[in-house]
Amino acid sequence: MTTANGDAAATAADEVQSIVEALFRGPRERFVTERNAAAKRLKGLGRSEDATRVKALSKPSVSAAAVNRLWWERRAEFEALLDGGRQMAAAMSTGAGPAQQAAAALGKRRALERLIALAEDDLRAAGSSASMAVMRKISTTLEALAVHILHEGGPRPGCLSADLEPPGFDLLPTLAAGASMIAPPPPKPTGPALVEPDAQAEAEARIATAERAEAKAREHAQAAARTLDHRTAEASEAQLASRRAAQIFEDAKASLAEAQRACEAAERGAHRTRTEAERRQTQVEDARRALQGLGEALQQREDALREARAHLASLPQK
């Protein structure tokens, strides 16, 4: 491949990567439409392989899309989580003391809690579901990314289609760059052995004892780290539950206030209706009394008419 061809291939790969990032960075509800349009455009340019790659992209889940948005819009907070993951892995893999491991875990947990809070706020602002199940998936995916970022070829944030599974704890010690919990083997002698057999046997016994002690210390460190990781997960879960309870409480207060306002409005409406009914009843009574007066006046007129007729009838006829 010539230099020109290589540059063209690199440019094409960069263009496809830009298309992919734009899709995952854009609105989730337009993902499929934009993806199909991009694939069609690439195919029209004769780039069938690139078109196939783009068309194969899956629409991200609600929780995966929320994590993607955090990467694109909350980069500083996201990098704080990844740095916390690196520091925690390094502390465990280098055999750091409990205080150093606890400090690294605390920094990572605070960064995680901050991202979870931001994700929940973003979901609510967008009118999307921020249920406990969705928030738990977001938390698990963020935890997994904090581990996988240490491993070359692992999933990277920003272009996730699906949620990630919880990372295996045994990955942490092996992923920290330039650190190992296993001591290097002793150098092989380059010349003839000058140590007496008894001294050599004693040295070998000491080495075996040291290796056993080192292995046991490594087991204790890993057990302590697993406990620390478990406690961190529990703390994150408690944080989610606390935020959910606080939100439920705020929603309940808002509902109560709305119900109170509705009750007061109904009471005012009932008072107006009652007042109007009383006014109408008074009008009815007034009309009834007026009608009764008219009836009495009519009766008087009828009596007067009868008397006049009787008087007329009693007069002598001409």
Protein backbone atom coordinates (compact mmCIF):
# COMPACT_ATOMS: atom_id res chain seq x y z
CA MET A 1 0.00 0.00 0.00
CA THR A 2 1.39 3.39 -0.98
CA THR A 3 1.60 6.30 1.41
CA ALA A 4 -1.26 8.02 -0.45
CA ASN A 5 -3.45 4.92 -0.13
CA GLY A 6 -2.57 4.61 3.52
CA ASP A 7 -3.48 8.23 4.17
CA ALA A 8 -6.77 7.80 2.31
CA ALA A 9 -7.61 4.68 4.35
CA ALA A 10 -6.81 6.48 7.59
CA THR A 11 -8.96 9.43 6.53
CA ALA A 12 -11.86 7.09 5.67
CA ALA A 13 -11.53 5.30 9.03
CA ASP A 14 -11.50 8.64 10.86
CA GLU A 15 -14.61 9.70 8.94
CA VAL A 16 -16.47 6.53 9.89
CA GLN A 17 -15.42 6.95 13.51
CA SER A 18 -16.74 10.52 13.43
CA ILE A 19 -20.05 9.26 12.03
CA VAL A 20 -20.29 6.62 14.76
CA GLU A 21 -19.53 9.13 17.50
CA ALA A 22 -22.05 11.61 16.09
CA LEU A 23 -24.76 8.92 16.13
CA PHE A 24 -24.16 8.00 19.77
CA ARG A 25 -23.76 11.63 20.75
CA GLY A 26 -27.03 12.67 19.12
CA PRO A 27 -30.63 12.19 20.33
CA ARG A 28 -31.47 8.55 21.04
CA GLU A 29 -34.90 8.85 19.39
CA ARG A 30 -33.25 9.80 16.06
CA PHE A 31 -30.52 7.15 16.21
CA VAL A 32 -32.06 4.68 13.74
CA THR A 33 -33.06 7.39 11.24
CA GLU A 34 -29.63 9.03 11.31
CA ARG A 35 -27.84 5.67 11.19
CA ASN A 36 -29.75 4.50 8.12
CA ALA A 37 -29.18 7.83 6.38
CA ALA A 38 -25.43 7.67 7.08
CA ALA A 39 -25.20 4.06 5.84
CA LYS A 40 -27.11 4.95 2.67
CA ARG A 41 -24.82 7.90 2.05
CA LEU A 42 -21.69 5.75 2.45
CA LYS A 43 -23.09 3.08 0.18
CA GLY A 44 -23.84 5.71 -2.45
CA LEU A 45 -20.15 6.67 -2.33
CA GLY A 46 -19.18 3.08 -3.07
CA ARG A 47 -18.04 2.37 0.50
CA SER A 48 -20.06 -0.77 1.14
CA GLU A 49 -17.91 -2.05 4.02
CA ASP A 50 -18.18 1.22 5.90
CA ALA A 51 -21.92 1.32 5.19
CA THR A 52 -22.32 -2.21 6.57
CA ARG A 53 -20.38 -1.31 9.69
CA VAL A 54 -22.57 1.74 10.34
CA LYS A 55 -25.83 -0.09 9.55
CA ALA A 56 -24.89 -2.81 12.08
CA LEU A 57 -24.87 -0.32 14.97
CA SER A 58 -27.65 -0.93 17.50
CA LYS A 59 -29.77 1.76 19.07
CA PRO A 60 -28.54 2.25 22.65
CA SER A 61 -30.72 1.41 25.62
CA VAL A 62 -31.98 4.27 27.79
CA SER A 63 -29.33 3.59 30.43
CA ALA A 64 -26.51 3.12 27.90
CA ALA A 65 -27.51 6.36 26.17
CA ALA A 66 -27.41 8.13 29.54
CA VAL A 67 -23.84 6.90 30.11
CA ASN A 68 -22.89 8.02 26.59
CA ARG A 69 -24.24 11.51 27.32
CA LEU A 70 -22.20 11.66 30.48
CA TRP A 71 -19.07 10.98 28.43
CA TRP A 72 -19.82 13.62 25.82
CA GLU A 73 -21.29 16.29 28.10
CA ARG A 74 -19.73 15.64 31.53
CA ARG A 75 -16.20 14.72 30.51
CA ALA A 76 -14.40 16.13 33.57
CA GLU A 77 -16.62 14.21 36.00
CA PHE A 78 -16.30 11.06 33.88
CA GLU A 79 -12.50 11.32 33.80
CA ALA A 80 -12.54 11.65 37.59
CA LEU A 81 -14.25 8.23 37.79
CA LEU A 82 -11.74 6.65 35.39
CA ASP A 83 -8.84 8.14 37.36
CA GLY A 84 -10.39 6.74 40.53
CA GLY A 85 -10.54 3.31 38.90
CA ARG A 86 -6.87 3.53 37.92
CA GLN A 87 -5.82 4.62 41.40
CA MET A 88 -7.85 1.87 43.07
CA ALA A 89 -6.41 -0.81 40.77
CA ALA A 90 -2.89 0.46 41.33
CA ALA A 91 -3.37 0.52 45.11
CA MET A 92 -4.57 -3.10 45.12
CA SER A 93 -2.02 -4.42 42.65
CA THR A 94 0.99 -2.82 44.36
CA GLY A 95 0.05 -4.10 47.79
CA ALA A 96 -0.73 -0.68 49.21
CA GLY A 97 -1.94 -0.51 52.78
CA PRO A 98 -5.61 -0.49 53.81
CA ALA A 99 -5.59 3.29 54.28
CA GLN A 100 -4.36 3.91 50.72
CA GLN A 101 -6.85 1.41 49.28
CA ALA A 102 -9.69 2.98 51.29
CA ALA A 103 -8.72 6.47 50.09
CA ALA A 104 -8.64 5.29 46.45
CA ALA A 105 -12.01 3.55 46.86
CA LEU A 106 -13.53 6.66 48.45
CA GLY A 107 -12.38 8.86 45.57
CA LYS A 108 -13.81 6.44 43.04
CA ARG A 109 -17.12 6.15 44.91
CA ARG A 110 -17.55 9.92 45.14
CA ALA A 111 -16.91 10.28 41.42
CA LEU A 112 -19.42 7.48 40.74
CA GLU A 113 -22.09 9.06 42.95
CA ARG A 114 -21.57 12.40 41.22
CA LEU A 115 -22.06 10.83 37.79
CA ILE A 116 -25.15 8.91 38.94
CA ALA A 117 -26.69 12.14 40.25
CA LEU A 118 -25.91 13.93 36.97
CA ALA A 119 -27.38 11.06 34.94
CA GLU A 120 -30.60 11.11 36.98
CA ASP A 121 -30.91 14.88 36.58
CA ASP A 122 -30.31 14.60 32.82
CA LEU A 123 -32.92 11.84 32.46
CA ARG A 124 -35.55 13.82 34.34
CA ALA A 125 -34.78 16.97 32.37
CA ALA A 126 -35.27 15.00 29.14
CA GLY A 127 -38.54 13.49 30.39
CA SER A 128 -37.09 9.96 30.41
CA SER A 129 -37.49 7.28 33.02
CA ALA A 130 -35.14 7.50 36.01
CA SER A 131 -36.42 4.39 37.74
CA MET A 132 -34.36 2.42 40.23
CA ALA A 133 -33.72 -0.29 37.63
CA VAL A 134 -32.42 2.21 35.06
CA MET A 135 -30.19 3.95 37.63
CA ARG A 136 -28.79 0.59 38.77
CA LYS A 137 -27.85 -0.27 35.18
CA ILE A 138 -26.14 3.10 34.80
CA SER A 139 -24.20 2.54 38.02
CA THR A 140 -23.10 -0.96 36.96
CA THR A 141 -22.01 0.24 33.51
CA LEU A 142 -20.00 3.10 35.01
CA GLU A 143 -18.33 0.68 37.44
CA ALA A 144 -17.46 -1.65 34.55
CA LEU A 145 -15.99 1.19 32.46
CA ALA A 146 -13.78 2.22 35.38
CA VAL A 147 -12.20 -1.24 35.17
CA HIS A 148 -12.25 -1.86 31.41
CA ILE A 149 -10.58 1.47 30.70
CA LEU A 150 -7.41 -0.13 32.09
CA HIS A 151 -7.52 -2.94 29.56
CA GLU A 152 -6.50 -2.44 25.94
CA GLY A 153 -9.31 -3.46 23.63
CA GLY A 154 -12.05 -3.20 26.26
CA PRO A 155 -15.29 -1.23 25.79
CA ARG A 156 -14.84 2.50 25.67
CA PRO A 157 -17.29 5.16 26.88
CA GLY A 158 -19.28 7.32 24.52
CA CYS A 159 -20.40 4.72 21.97
CA LEU A 160 -22.19 2.07 24.06
CA SER A 161 -25.25 0.34 22.64
CA ALA A 162 -25.96 -1.87 25.65
CA ASP A 163 -25.34 -1.93 29.37
CA LEU A 164 -22.15 -3.56 30.63
CA GLU A 165 -22.03 -6.45 33.04
CA PRO A 166 -20.32 -5.99 36.42
CA PRO A 167 -16.57 -6.40 35.94
CA GLY A 168 -14.83 -9.45 37.34
CA PHE A 169 -12.89 -8.44 40.42
CA ASP A 170 -9.96 -10.63 39.42
CA LEU A 171 -9.25 -8.25 36.52
CA LEU A 172 -8.19 -5.41 38.77
CA PRO A 173 -4.77 -6.63 39.90
CA THR A 174 -3.69 -7.57 36.37
CA LEU A 175 -4.87 -4.39 34.65
CA ALA A 176 -2.89 -1.75 36.53
CA ALA A 177 -0.09 -0.58 34.30
CA GLY A 178 3.40 -1.36 35.46
CA ALA A 179 2.34 -3.08 38.67
CA SER A 180 2.29 -6.68 39.80
CA MET A 181 1.53 -8.39 43.09
CA ILE A 182 3.74 -11.34 42.21
CA ALA A 183 7.39 -10.96 43.09
CA PRO A 184 9.85 -11.70 40.26
CA PRO A 185 11.67 -15.01 40.47
CA PRO A 186 15.19 -14.91 41.90
CA PRO A 187 17.93 -14.56 39.27
CA LYS A 188 19.51 -17.73 38.08
CA PRO A 189 23.14 -18.21 39.12
CA THR A 190 25.60 -17.56 36.31
CA GLY A 191 28.48 -19.53 37.73
CA PRO A 192 29.07 -22.71 39.69
CA ALA A 193 27.36 -22.94 43.03
CA LEU A 194 29.66 -21.90 45.82
CA VAL A 195 27.18 -22.53 48.62
CA GLU A 196 27.51 -25.53 50.84
CA PRO A 197 24.65 -28.08 50.54
CA ASP A 198 23.35 -27.34 54.05
CA ALA A 199 23.45 -23.60 53.45
CA GLN A 200 21.75 -24.06 50.08
CA ALA A 201 19.01 -26.18 51.62
CA GLU A 202 18.53 -23.58 54.34
CA ALA A 203 18.33 -20.80 51.74
CA GLU A 204 15.82 -22.78 49.70
CA ALA A 205 13.73 -23.37 52.82
CA ARG A 206 13.78 -19.66 53.58
CA ILE A 207 12.74 -18.89 50.02
CA ALA A 208 9.87 -21.40 50.25
CA THR A 209 8.76 -19.89 53.56
CA ALA A 210 8.92 -16.39 52.09
CA GLU A 211 6.95 -17.52 49.04
CA ARG A 212 4.25 -19.04 51.26
CA ALA A 213 4.11 -15.88 53.36
CA GLU A 214 3.93 -13.77 50.20
CA ALA A 215 1.13 -15.93 48.79
CA LYS A 216 -0.82 -15.72 52.04
CA ALA A 217 -0.32 -11.95 52.20
CA ARG A 218 -1.54 -11.70 48.61
CA GLU A 219 -4.65 -13.74 49.48
CA HIS A 220 -5.34 -11.47 52.45
CA ALA A 221 -4.88 -8.36 50.32
CA GLN A 222 -7.22 -9.71 47.64
CA ALA A 223 -9.81 -10.69 50.27
CA ALA A 224 -9.58 -7.21 51.80
CA ALA A 225 -9.92 -5.64 48.37
CA ARG A 226 -12.97 -7.78 47.58
CA THR A 227 -14.54 -6.69 50.86
CA LEU A 228 -13.73 -3.09 50.04
CA ASP A 229 -15.25 -3.45 46.58
CA HIS A 230 -18.37 -5.05 48.07
CA ARG A 231 -18.74 -2.26 50.62
CA THR A 232 -18.28 0.31 47.86
CA ALA A 233 -21.05 -1.33 45.82
CA GLU A 234 -23.31 -1.38 48.87
CA ALA A 235 -22.61 2.31 49.49
CA SER A 236 -23.46 3.14 45.88
CA GLU A 237 -26.69 1.12 46.15
CA ALA A 238 -27.57 2.92 49.38
CA GLN A 239 -26.89 6.25 47.68
CA LEU A 240 -29.27 5.31 44.87
CA ALA A 241 -31.93 4.24 47.36
CA SER A 242 -31.44 7.48 49.30
CA ARG A 243 -31.86 9.61 46.18
CA ARG A 244 -34.91 7.60 45.16
CA ALA A 245 -36.49 7.99 48.62
CA ALA A 246 -35.78 11.72 48.58
CA GLN A 247 -37.37 12.03 45.14
CA ILE A 248 -40.43 10.04 46.25
CA PHE A 249 -40.73 12.32 49.27
CA GLU A 250 -40.50 15.45 47.10
CA ASP A 251 -43.06 14.02 44.66
CA ALA A 252 -45.37 13.19 47.57
CA LYS A 253 -45.01 16.72 48.93
CA ALA A 254 -45.78 18.16 45.52
CA SER A 255 -48.83 15.88 45.19
CA LEU A 256 -50.00 16.85 48.66
CA ALA A 257 -49.64 20.53 47.86
CA GLU A 258 -51.52 20.06 44.59
CA ALA A 259 -54.27 18.15 46.38
CA GLN A 260 -54.46 20.91 49.01
CA ARG A 261 -54.80 23.54 46.31
CA ALA A 262 -57.49 21.47 44.58
CA CYS A 263 -59.33 21.03 47.87
CA GLU A 264 -59.22 24.76 48.57
CA ALA A 265 -60.41 25.52 45.05
CA ALA A 266 -63.27 23.02 45.44
CA GLU A 267 -64.17 24.55 48.78
CA ARG A 268 -64.26 28.03 47.23
CA GLY A 269 -66.37 26.66 44.39
CA ALA A 270 -68.74 25.01 46.85
CA HIS A 271 -69.03 28.27 48.79
CA ARG A 272 -69.81 30.19 45.61
CA THR A 273 -72.35 27.56 44.60
CA ARG A 274 -73.96 27.60 48.03
CA THR A 275 -74.15 31.39 47.99
CA GLU A 276 -75.65 31.33 44.51
CA ALA A 277 -78.15 28.66 45.56
CA GLU A 278 -79.19 30.75 48.56
CA ARG A 279 -79.60 33.80 46.32
CA ARG A 280 -81.71 31.80 43.88
CA GLN A 281 -83.80 30.44 46.75
CA THR A 282 -84.42 33.98 47.97
CA GLN A 283 -85.49 34.96 44.45
CA VAL A 284 -87.85 31.96 44.38
CA GLU A 285 -89.38 32.98 47.73
CA ASP A 286 -89.75 36.56 46.53
CA ALA A 287 -91.40 35.36 43.32
CA ARG A 288 -93.68 33.07 45.31
CA ARG A 289 -94.75 35.92 47.57
CA ALA A 290 -95.27 38.18 44.54
CA LEU A 291 -97.33 35.46 42.89
CA GLN A 292 -99.36 35.00 46.04
CA GLY A 293 -100.00 38.77 46.15
CA LEU A 294 -101.07 38.75 42.51
CA GLY A 295 -103.38 35.81 43.24
CA GLU A 296 -105.00 37.68 46.09
CA ALA A 297 -105.39 40.80 43.95
CA LEU A 298 -106.90 38.70 41.17
CA GLN A 299 -109.31 37.12 43.62
CA GLN A 300 -110.38 40.58 44.78
CA ARG A 301 -110.93 41.64 41.18
CA GLU A 302 -113.00 38.53 40.52
CA ASP A 303 -115.10 39.17 43.65
CA ALA A 304 -115.66 42.77 42.60
CA LEU A 305 -116.62 41.58 39.10
CA ARG A 306 -119.18 39.12 40.52
CA GLU A 307 -120.65 41.80 42.75
CA ALA A 308 -120.90 44.18 39.80
CA ARG A 309 -122.62 41.53 37.71
CA ALA A 310 -125.00 40.70 40.55
CA HIS A 311 -125.79 44.35 41.01
CA LEU A 312 -126.37 44.70 37.29
CA ALA A 313 -128.68 41.71 37.31
CA SER A 314 -130.70 43.15 40.21
CA LEU A 315 -131.46 46.37 38.40
CA PRO A 316 -134.96 46.68 36.79
CA GLN A 317 -134.94 45.94 33.11
CA LYS A 318 -135.91 48.84 30.83
